[in-house]
């Protein structure tokens, strides 16, 4: 394993840690959604999918596997659109309330772009180009 691939594995593990921190931070939201006081089935189904994708992303990314990015690519837009939460904790609270939604979208988009870049770089490392013939 070279330094580049170990750095990419470390970046994947960092993304997994970010998801774990998010899930602990908003654990009460998921428990409220799954309580018997919840009305309607759609929010519970969406919350189960978001929770399952977060757990799947943590399992895959913590091991440095590329398949962990697939649930992450559902998790980030889902928490942004359905819940309005930032994957990076506390940072949106530094801004005025009327700007927080924009800051959350920008932060989560930045994390998503970083995750795409890490996966693309991981995939580049696996490409073996044929030798040119002269």
C-alpha atoms as a PDB file:
ATOM      1  CA  UNK A   1       0.000   0.000   0.000  1.00  0.00           C
ATOM      2  CA  UNK A   2       1.528   3.323  -1.007  1.00  0.00           C
ATOM      3  CA  UNK A   3       1.158   6.659   0.762  1.00  0.00           C
ATOM      4  CA  UNK A   4      -1.474   7.872  -1.717  1.00  0.00           C
ATOM      5  CA  UNK A   5      -3.828   4.936  -1.182  1.00  0.00           C
ATOM      6  CA  UNK A   6      -3.388   5.070   2.583  1.00  0.00           C
ATOM      7  CA  UNK A   7      -4.288   8.765   2.460  1.00  0.00           C
ATOM      8  CA  UNK A   8      -7.425   7.949   0.480  1.00  0.00           C
ATOM      9  CA  UNK A   9      -8.345   5.232   2.982  1.00  0.00           C
ATOM     10  CA  UNK A  10      -7.830   7.755   5.773  1.00  0.00           C
ATOM     11  CA  UNK A  11     -10.111  10.211   3.941  1.00  0.00           C
ATOM     12  CA  UNK A  12     -12.791   7.496   3.635  1.00  0.00           C
ATOM     13  CA  UNK A  13     -12.470   6.761   7.355  1.00  0.00           C
ATOM     14  CA  UNK A  14     -12.761  10.494   8.059  1.00  0.00           C
ATOM     15  CA  UNK A  15     -16.026  10.582   6.114  1.00  0.00           C
ATOM     16  CA  UNK A  16     -17.234   7.587   8.144  1.00  0.00           C
ATOM     17  CA  UNK A  17     -16.352   9.439  11.349  1.00  0.00           C
ATOM     18  CA  UNK A  18     -18.285  12.470  10.143  1.00  0.00           C
ATOM     19  CA  UNK A  19     -21.380  10.298   9.591  1.00  0.00           C
ATOM     20  CA  UNK A  20     -20.980   8.682  13.034  1.00  0.00           C
ATOM     21  CA  UNK A  21     -20.744  12.095  14.702  1.00  0.00           C
ATOM     22  CA  UNK A  22     -23.843  13.205  12.791  1.00  0.00           C
ATOM     23  CA  UNK A  23     -25.792  10.112  13.844  1.00  0.00           C
ATOM     24  CA  UNK A  24     -24.914  10.586  17.508  1.00  0.00           C
ATOM     25  CA  UNK A  25     -25.690  14.294  17.340  1.00  0.00           C
ATOM     26  CA  UNK A  26     -29.158  13.720  15.871  1.00  0.00           C
ATOM     27  CA  UNK A  27     -30.001  10.398  17.552  1.00  0.00           C
ATOM     28  CA  UNK A  28     -32.987  11.962  19.318  1.00  0.00           C
ATOM     29  CA  UNK A  29     -34.465  12.926  15.937  1.00  0.00           C
ATOM     30  CA  UNK A  30     -34.428   9.320  14.777  1.00  0.00           C
ATOM     31  CA  UNK A  31     -35.900   8.056  18.066  1.00  0.00           C
ATOM     32  CA  UNK A  32     -38.720  10.607  17.807  1.00  0.00           C
ATOM     33  CA  UNK A  33     -39.464   9.596  14.224  1.00  0.00           C
ATOM     34  CA  UNK A  34     -39.619   5.910  15.179  1.00  0.00           C
ATOM     35  CA  UNK A  35     -41.804   6.508  18.229  1.00  0.00           C
ATOM     36  CA  UNK A  36     -45.413   5.379  18.275  1.00  0.00           C
ATOM     37  CA  UNK A  37     -46.568   9.002  18.357  1.00  0.00           C
ATOM     38  CA  UNK A  38     -45.483   9.504  14.755  1.00  0.00           C
ATOM     39  CA  UNK A  39     -48.389   9.950  12.340  1.00  0.00           C
ATOM     40  CA  UNK A  40     -47.985   8.655   8.806  1.00  0.00           C
ATOM     41  CA  UNK A  41     -45.815   5.997   7.261  1.00  0.00           C
ATOM     42  CA  UNK A  42     -43.823   8.050   4.745  1.00  0.00           C
ATOM     43  CA  UNK A  43     -41.639   9.910   7.273  1.00  0.00           C
ATOM     44  CA  UNK A  44     -40.794   6.636   9.019  1.00  0.00           C
ATOM     45  CA  UNK A  45     -39.847   4.938   5.752  1.00  0.00           C
ATOM     46  CA  UNK A  46     -37.675   7.885   4.712  1.00  0.00           C
ATOM     47  CA  UNK A  47     -36.045   7.979   8.141  1.00  0.00           C
ATOM     48  CA  UNK A  48     -35.352   4.228   7.995  1.00  0.00           C
ATOM     49  CA  UNK A  49     -33.753   4.605   4.563  1.00  0.00           C
ATOM     50  CA  UNK A  50     -31.641   7.531   5.741  1.00  0.00           C
ATOM     51  CA  UNK A  51     -30.592   5.671   8.888  1.00  0.00           C
ATOM     52  CA  UNK A  52     -29.802   2.483   6.939  1.00  0.00           C
ATOM     53  CA  UNK A  53     -27.778   4.411   4.379  1.00  0.00           C
ATOM     54  CA  UNK A  54     -25.839   6.116   7.162  1.00  0.00           C
ATOM     55  CA  UNK A  55     -25.056   2.798   8.838  1.00  0.00           C
ATOM     56  CA  UNK A  56     -24.086   1.269   5.486  1.00  0.00           C
ATOM     57  CA  UNK A  57     -21.832   4.202   4.701  1.00  0.00           C
ATOM     58  CA  UNK A  58     -20.113   3.937   8.078  1.00  0.00           C
ATOM     59  CA  UNK A  59     -19.539   0.186   7.701  1.00  0.00           C
ATOM     60  CA  UNK A  60     -18.149   0.496   4.179  1.00  0.00           C
ATOM     61  CA  UNK A  61     -16.111   3.651   4.622  1.00  0.00           C
ATOM     62  CA  UNK A  62     -14.639   2.631   7.976  1.00  0.00           C
ATOM     63  CA  UNK A  63     -13.142  -0.403   6.245  1.00  0.00           C
ATOM     64  CA  UNK A  64     -11.919   1.716   3.350  1.00  0.00           C
ATOM     65  CA  UNK A  65     -14.217  -0.007   0.850  1.00  0.00           C
ATOM     66  CA  UNK A  66     -15.412   1.839  -2.228  1.00  0.00           C
ATOM     67  CA  UNK A  67     -18.943   0.472  -1.913  1.00  0.00           C
ATOM     68  CA  UNK A  68     -19.330   2.596   1.246  1.00  0.00           C
ATOM     69  CA  UNK A  69     -19.623   5.657  -0.971  1.00  0.00           C
ATOM     70  CA  UNK A  70     -22.876   4.395  -2.540  1.00  0.00           C
ATOM     71  CA  UNK A  71     -24.984   4.758   0.638  1.00  0.00           C
ATOM     72  CA  UNK A  72     -23.104   7.979   1.445  1.00  0.00           C
ATOM     73  CA  UNK A  73     -24.291   9.434  -1.861  1.00  0.00           C
ATOM     74  CA  UNK A  74     -27.879   8.863  -0.724  1.00  0.00           C
ATOM     75  CA  UNK A  75     -27.269   9.895   2.887  1.00  0.00           C
ATOM     76  CA  UNK A  76     -25.890  13.389   2.239  1.00  0.00           C
ATOM     77  CA  UNK A  77     -28.695  14.665  -0.033  1.00  0.00           C
ATOM     78  CA  UNK A  78     -31.329  12.978   2.159  1.00  0.00           C
ATOM     79  CA  UNK A  79     -30.238  14.699   5.368  1.00  0.00           C
ATOM     80  CA  UNK A  80     -30.035  17.964   3.477  1.00  0.00           C
ATOM     81  CA  UNK A  81     -33.415  17.776   1.739  1.00  0.00           C
ATOM     82  CA  UNK A  82     -35.576  15.823   4.188  1.00  0.00           C
ATOM     83  CA  UNK A  83     -34.160  16.986   7.507  1.00  0.00           C
ATOM     84  CA  UNK A  84     -32.290  20.222   6.766  1.00  0.00           C
ATOM     85  CA  UNK A  85     -29.305  19.112   8.846  1.00  0.00           C
ATOM     86  CA  UNK A  86     -25.645  19.820   8.247  1.00  0.00           C
ATOM     87  CA  UNK A  87     -23.186  16.944   8.175  1.00  0.00           C
ATOM     88  CA  UNK A  88     -20.629  19.265   9.754  1.00  0.00           C
ATOM     89  CA  UNK A  89     -21.942  19.979  13.249  1.00  0.00           C
ATOM     90  CA  UNK A  90     -22.355  23.422  14.827  1.00  0.00           C
ATOM     91  CA  UNK A  91     -20.847  25.381  11.927  1.00  0.00           C
ATOM     92  CA  UNK A  92     -24.201  26.594  10.530  1.00  0.00           C
ATOM     93  CA  UNK A  93     -25.034  28.103  13.936  1.00  0.00           C
ATOM     94  CA  UNK A  94     -22.280  30.653  13.417  1.00  0.00           C
ATOM     95  CA  UNK A  95     -24.447  32.307  10.750  1.00  0.00           C
ATOM     96  CA  UNK A  96     -27.667  34.255  10.981  1.00  0.00           C
ATOM     97  CA  UNK A  97     -30.842  32.105  10.961  1.00  0.00           C
ATOM     98  CA  UNK A  98     -31.946  33.357   7.549  1.00  0.00           C
ATOM     99  CA  UNK A  99     -28.641  32.198   6.023  1.00  0.00           C
ATOM    100  CA  UNK A 100     -28.407  28.816   7.755  1.00  0.00           C
ATOM    101  CA  UNK A 101     -30.252  26.863   5.055  1.00  0.00           C
ATOM    102  CA  UNK A 102     -27.891  28.144   2.393  1.00  0.00           C
ATOM    103  CA  UNK A 103     -24.868  27.394   4.595  1.00  0.00           C
ATOM    104  CA  UNK A 104     -26.157  23.848   5.224  1.00  0.00           C
ATOM    105  CA  UNK A 105     -26.587  23.267   1.492  1.00  0.00           C
ATOM    106  CA  UNK A 106     -23.103  24.621   0.784  1.00  0.00           C
ATOM    107  CA  UNK A 107     -21.449  22.582   3.553  1.00  0.00           C
ATOM    108  CA  UNK A 108     -23.167  19.339   2.590  1.00  0.00           C
ATOM    109  CA  UNK A 109     -22.429  19.982  -1.086  1.00  0.00           C
ATOM    110  CA  UNK A 110     -18.774  20.498  -0.234  1.00  0.00           C
ATOM    111  CA  UNK A 111     -18.656  17.201   1.668  1.00  0.00           C
ATOM    112  CA  UNK A 112     -20.396  15.478  -1.257  1.00  0.00           C
ATOM    113  CA  UNK A 113     -17.898  16.886  -3.775  1.00  0.00           C
ATOM    114  CA  UNK A 114     -15.034  15.816  -1.511  1.00  0.00           C
ATOM    115  CA  UNK A 115     -16.504  12.293  -1.284  1.00  0.00           C
ATOM    116  CA  UNK A 116     -16.834  12.106  -5.074  1.00  0.00           C
ATOM    117  CA  UNK A 117     -13.231  13.284  -5.488  1.00  0.00           C
ATOM    118  CA  UNK A 118     -11.971  10.671  -3.008  1.00  0.00           C
ATOM    119  CA  UNK A 119     -13.838   7.872  -4.778  1.00  0.00           C
ATOM    120  CA  UNK A 120     -12.625   8.991  -8.205  1.00  0.00           C
ATOM    121  CA  UNK A 121      -9.061   9.090  -6.923  1.00  0.00           C
ATOM    122  CA  UNK A 122      -9.485   5.615  -5.421  1.00  0.00           C
ATOM    123  CA  UNK A 123     -10.731   4.387  -8.778  1.00  0.00           C
ATOM    124  CA  UNK A 124      -7.795   6.035 -10.589  1.00  0.00           C
ATOM    125  CA  UNK A 125      -5.374   4.051  -8.469  1.00  0.00           C
ATOM    126  CA  UNK A 126      -6.890   0.801  -9.758  1.00  0.00           C
ATOM    127  CA  UNK A 127      -6.534   1.696 -13.435  1.00  0.00           C
ATOM    128  CA  UNK A 128      -3.640   0.028 -15.173  1.00  0.00           C
ATOM    129  CA  UNK A 129      -2.913   1.530 -18.553  1.00  0.00           C
ATOM    130  CA  UNK A 130      -1.551  -0.733 -21.279  1.00  0.00           C
ATOM    131  CA  UNK A 131       2.005  -0.019 -22.361  1.00  0.00           C
ATOM    132  CA  UNK A 132       2.346   1.846 -25.621  1.00  0.00           C
ATOM    133  CA  UNK A 133       3.893  -0.071 -28.500  1.00  0.00           C
ATOM    134  CA  UNK A 134       6.431   1.599 -30.700  1.00  0.00           C
END
